[in-house]
Amino acid sequence: MTSQVSYSKLEKAYSHDFRNKINMTRNTNEVHDVFCYTVASMFNEIVDTKKFRERDIDFYPERECHYELGEKIKLDSAIAECLNGSDLGRILNDLAQTATNRHTHLEKHPEKTNSKIMRH
């Protein structure tokens, strides 16, 4: 039986700040930026480098899988191993679902968002 690595500590370290940032987004572009930045930061922490950037991740709220990893990430053997042998995929899916929910909300209620911007 193979053992599976868990990144629940990493998830806990990022999830609170991620949710706060997502909830504070004022438009769909900010949702994209927060999601991509958070995922890149998580990957950088896993491999202990600063080689991944937001542009290495794409966010697609309209697709079934709400994100796509760029070639730089896909070709990294440490990341590939983590995605195949851990709960990292589930964590990414959870973050993507949260971002998608916020994205959908902002698209459906732009008047609320605009009124909040005017008050600040």
C-alpha atoms as a PDB file:
ATOM      1  CA  MET A   1       0.000   0.000   0.000  1.00  0.00           C
ATOM      2  CA  THR A   2       1.383   3.392  -0.935  1.00  0.00           C
ATOM      3  CA  SER A   3       1.350   6.245   1.512  1.00  0.00           C
ATOM      4  CA  GLN A   4      -0.192   9.556   0.597  1.00  0.00           C
ATOM      5  CA  VAL A   5       1.274  12.893   1.591  1.00  0.00           C
ATOM      6  CA  SER A   6      -1.076  15.509   2.979  1.00  0.00           C
ATOM      7  CA  TYR A   7      -0.810  19.234   2.469  1.00  0.00           C
ATOM      8  CA  SER A   8      -3.512  20.104   4.974  1.00  0.00           C
ATOM      9  CA  LYS A   9      -1.077  22.286   6.953  1.00  0.00           C
ATOM     10  CA  LEU A  10      -0.307  24.231   3.799  1.00  0.00           C
ATOM     11  CA  GLU A  11      -4.021  24.511   3.082  1.00  0.00           C
ATOM     12  CA  LYS A  12      -4.693  25.852   6.575  1.00  0.00           C
ATOM     13  CA  ALA A  13      -1.837  28.328   6.239  1.00  0.00           C
ATOM     14  CA  TYR A  14      -3.277  29.782   3.023  1.00  0.00           C
ATOM     15  CA  SER A  15      -7.032  29.278   3.223  1.00  0.00           C
ATOM     16  CA  HIS A  16      -7.937  32.015   5.708  1.00  0.00           C
ATOM     17  CA  ASP A  17      -5.994  34.733   3.885  1.00  0.00           C
ATOM     18  CA  PHE A  18      -7.246  33.443   0.528  1.00  0.00           C
ATOM     19  CA  ARG A  19     -10.898  33.624   1.591  1.00  0.00           C
ATOM     20  CA  ASN A  20     -10.427  37.122   2.995  1.00  0.00           C
ATOM     21  CA  LYS A  21      -8.798  38.337  -0.205  1.00  0.00           C
ATOM     22  CA  ILE A  22     -11.409  36.663  -2.410  1.00  0.00           C
ATOM     23  CA  ASN A  23     -14.249  38.177  -0.385  1.00  0.00           C
ATOM     24  CA  MET A  24     -12.697  41.635  -0.760  1.00  0.00           C
ATOM     25  CA  THR A  25     -12.359  41.421  -4.544  1.00  0.00           C
ATOM     26  CA  ARG A  26     -14.312  44.058  -6.413  1.00  0.00           C
ATOM     27  CA  ASN A  27     -14.215  42.606  -9.899  1.00  0.00           C
ATOM     28  CA  THR A  28     -13.596  39.362 -11.745  1.00  0.00           C
ATOM     29  CA  ASN A  29     -10.039  40.318 -12.688  1.00  0.00           C
ATOM     30  CA  GLU A  30      -9.130  40.584  -9.014  1.00  0.00           C
ATOM     31  CA  VAL A  31     -10.583  37.109  -8.398  1.00  0.00           C
ATOM     32  CA  HIS A  32      -8.323  35.755 -11.133  1.00  0.00           C
ATOM     33  CA  ASP A  33      -5.286  37.516  -9.682  1.00  0.00           C
ATOM     34  CA  VAL A  34      -5.895  36.342  -6.103  1.00  0.00           C
ATOM     35  CA  PHE A  35      -6.415  32.728  -7.164  1.00  0.00           C
ATOM     36  CA  CYS A  36      -3.344  32.595  -9.410  1.00  0.00           C
ATOM     37  CA  TYR A  37      -1.118  34.365  -6.884  1.00  0.00           C
ATOM     38  CA  THR A  38      -2.180  32.026  -4.075  1.00  0.00           C
ATOM     39  CA  VAL A  39      -1.606  28.860  -6.117  1.00  0.00           C
ATOM     40  CA  ALA A  40       1.806  30.078  -7.315  1.00  0.00           C
ATOM     41  CA  SER A  41       2.776  30.905  -3.726  1.00  0.00           C
ATOM     42  CA  MET A  42       1.721  27.451  -2.555  1.00  0.00           C
ATOM     43  CA  PHE A  43       3.754  25.759  -5.283  1.00  0.00           C
ATOM     44  CA  ASN A  44       6.772  27.909  -4.442  1.00  0.00           C
ATOM     45  CA  GLU A  45       6.503  26.843  -0.827  1.00  0.00           C
ATOM     46  CA  ILE A  46       6.243  23.175  -1.778  1.00  0.00           C
ATOM     47  CA  VAL A  47       9.386  23.238  -3.921  1.00  0.00           C
ATOM     48  CA  ASP A  48      11.095  25.860  -1.725  1.00  0.00           C
ATOM     49  CA  THR A  49      11.842  28.266  -4.583  1.00  0.00           C
ATOM     50  CA  LYS A  50      10.417  31.419  -6.074  1.00  0.00           C
ATOM     51  CA  LYS A  51      10.297  30.203  -9.653  1.00  0.00           C
ATOM     52  CA  PHE A  52       6.524  30.092 -10.197  1.00  0.00           C
ATOM     53  CA  ARG A  53       4.488  33.202 -10.910  1.00  0.00           C
ATOM     54  CA  GLU A  54       0.812  34.014 -11.324  1.00  0.00           C
ATOM     55  CA  ARG A  55       1.146  33.783 -15.108  1.00  0.00           C
ATOM     56  CA  ASP A  56       1.977  30.062 -14.733  1.00  0.00           C
ATOM     57  CA  ILE A  57      -1.628  29.384 -13.682  1.00  0.00           C
ATOM     58  CA  ASP A  58      -4.828  30.168 -15.572  1.00  0.00           C
ATOM     59  CA  PHE A  59      -8.245  30.521 -13.981  1.00  0.00           C
ATOM     60  CA  TYR A  60     -11.315  29.455 -15.994  1.00  0.00           C
ATOM     61  CA  PRO A  61     -14.512  29.815 -13.966  1.00  0.00           C
ATOM     62  CA  GLU A  62     -16.621  28.719 -16.917  1.00  0.00           C
ATOM     63  CA  ARG A  63     -14.919  25.323 -17.310  1.00  0.00           C
ATOM     64  CA  GLU A  64     -15.571  22.156 -15.366  1.00  0.00           C
ATOM     65  CA  CYS A  65     -11.978  22.216 -14.129  1.00  0.00           C
ATOM     66  CA  HIS A  66     -11.675  25.848 -13.100  1.00  0.00           C
ATOM     67  CA  TYR A  67      -7.924  26.171 -13.517  1.00  0.00           C
ATOM     68  CA  GLU A  68      -5.074  25.052 -15.724  1.00  0.00           C
ATOM     69  CA  LEU A  69      -1.433  24.758 -14.793  1.00  0.00           C
ATOM     70  CA  GLY A  70       1.127  26.121 -17.233  1.00  0.00           C
ATOM     71  CA  GLU A  71       3.892  24.088 -18.816  1.00  0.00           C
ATOM     72  CA  LYS A  72       6.502  25.331 -16.343  1.00  0.00           C
ATOM     73  CA  ILE A  73       4.492  23.827 -13.484  1.00  0.00           C
ATOM     74  CA  LYS A  74       3.452  20.680 -15.346  1.00  0.00           C
ATOM     75  CA  LEU A  75       7.071  19.907 -16.210  1.00  0.00           C
ATOM     76  CA  ASP A  76       8.319  20.299 -12.640  1.00  0.00           C
ATOM     77  CA  SER A  77       8.813  16.758 -11.344  1.00  0.00           C
ATOM     78  CA  ALA A  78       8.345  17.712  -7.679  1.00  0.00           C
ATOM     79  CA  ILE A  79       4.978  19.332  -8.399  1.00  0.00           C
ATOM     80  CA  ALA A  80       3.874  16.424 -10.598  1.00  0.00           C
ATOM     81  CA  GLU A  81       4.743  14.004  -7.809  1.00  0.00           C
ATOM     82  CA  CYS A  82       2.804  16.109  -5.283  1.00  0.00           C
ATOM     83  CA  LEU A  83      -0.257  16.292  -7.509  1.00  0.00           C
ATOM     84  CA  ASN A  84      -0.258  12.535  -8.077  1.00  0.00           C
ATOM     85  CA  GLY A  85       0.515  11.383  -4.549  1.00  0.00           C
ATOM     86  CA  SER A  86      -1.223  13.823  -2.235  1.00  0.00           C
ATOM     87  CA  ASP A  87      -4.344  15.810  -1.499  1.00  0.00           C
ATOM     88  CA  LEU A  88      -2.945  18.839  -3.338  1.00  0.00           C
ATOM     89  CA  GLY A  89      -5.355  18.371  -6.253  1.00  0.00           C
ATOM     90  CA  ARG A  90      -8.327  18.500  -3.904  1.00  0.00           C
ATOM     91  CA  ILE A  91      -6.941  21.623  -2.245  1.00  0.00           C
ATOM     92  CA  LEU A  92      -6.536  23.343  -5.625  1.00  0.00           C
ATOM     93  CA  ASN A  93     -10.059  22.320  -6.606  1.00  0.00           C
ATOM     94  CA  ASP A  94     -11.438  23.761  -3.363  1.00  0.00           C
ATOM     95  CA  LEU A  95      -9.624  27.077  -3.907  1.00  0.00           C
ATOM     96  CA  ALA A  96     -10.799  27.177  -7.511  1.00  0.00           C
ATOM     97  CA  GLN A  97     -14.393  26.511  -6.467  1.00  0.00           C
ATOM     98  CA  THR A  98     -14.284  29.332  -3.922  1.00  0.00           C
ATOM     99  CA  ALA A  99     -12.869  31.682  -6.563  1.00  0.00           C
ATOM    100  CA  THR A 100     -15.475  30.545  -9.092  1.00  0.00           C
ATOM    101  CA  ASN A 101     -18.297  31.188  -6.632  1.00  0.00           C
ATOM    102  CA  ARG A 102     -17.034  34.735  -6.045  1.00  0.00           C
ATOM    103  CA  HIS A 103     -16.533  35.280  -9.777  1.00  0.00           C
ATOM    104  CA  THR A 104     -20.111  34.173 -10.455  1.00  0.00           C
ATOM    105  CA  HIS A 105     -21.447  36.427  -7.710  1.00  0.00           C
ATOM    106  CA  LEU A 106     -19.591  39.451  -9.076  1.00  0.00           C
ATOM    107  CA  GLU A 107     -20.873  38.779 -12.583  1.00  0.00           C
ATOM    108  CA  LYS A 108     -24.480  38.483 -11.405  1.00  0.00           C
ATOM    109  CA  HIS A 109     -24.461  41.524  -9.106  1.00  0.00           C
ATOM    110  CA  PRO A 110     -22.228  44.253 -10.561  1.00  0.00           C
ATOM    111  CA  GLU A 111     -24.459  46.987  -9.120  1.00  0.00           C
ATOM    112  CA  LYS A 112     -23.707  45.837  -5.559  1.00  0.00           C
ATOM    113  CA  THR A 113     -20.018  45.768  -6.269  1.00  0.00           C
ATOM    114  CA  ASN A 114     -20.068  49.228  -7.836  1.00  0.00           C
ATOM    115  CA  SER A 115     -21.989  50.689  -4.905  1.00  0.00           C
ATOM    116  CA  LYS A 116     -19.415  49.265  -2.475  1.00  0.00           C
ATOM    117  CA  ILE A 117     -16.612  50.820  -4.501  1.00  0.00           C
ATOM    118  CA  MET A 118     -18.318  54.217  -4.390  1.00  0.00           C
ATOM    119  CA  ARG A 119     -18.636  54.065  -0.585  1.00  0.00           C
ATOM    120  CA  HIS A 120     -14.894  53.460  -0.059  1.00  0.00           C
END
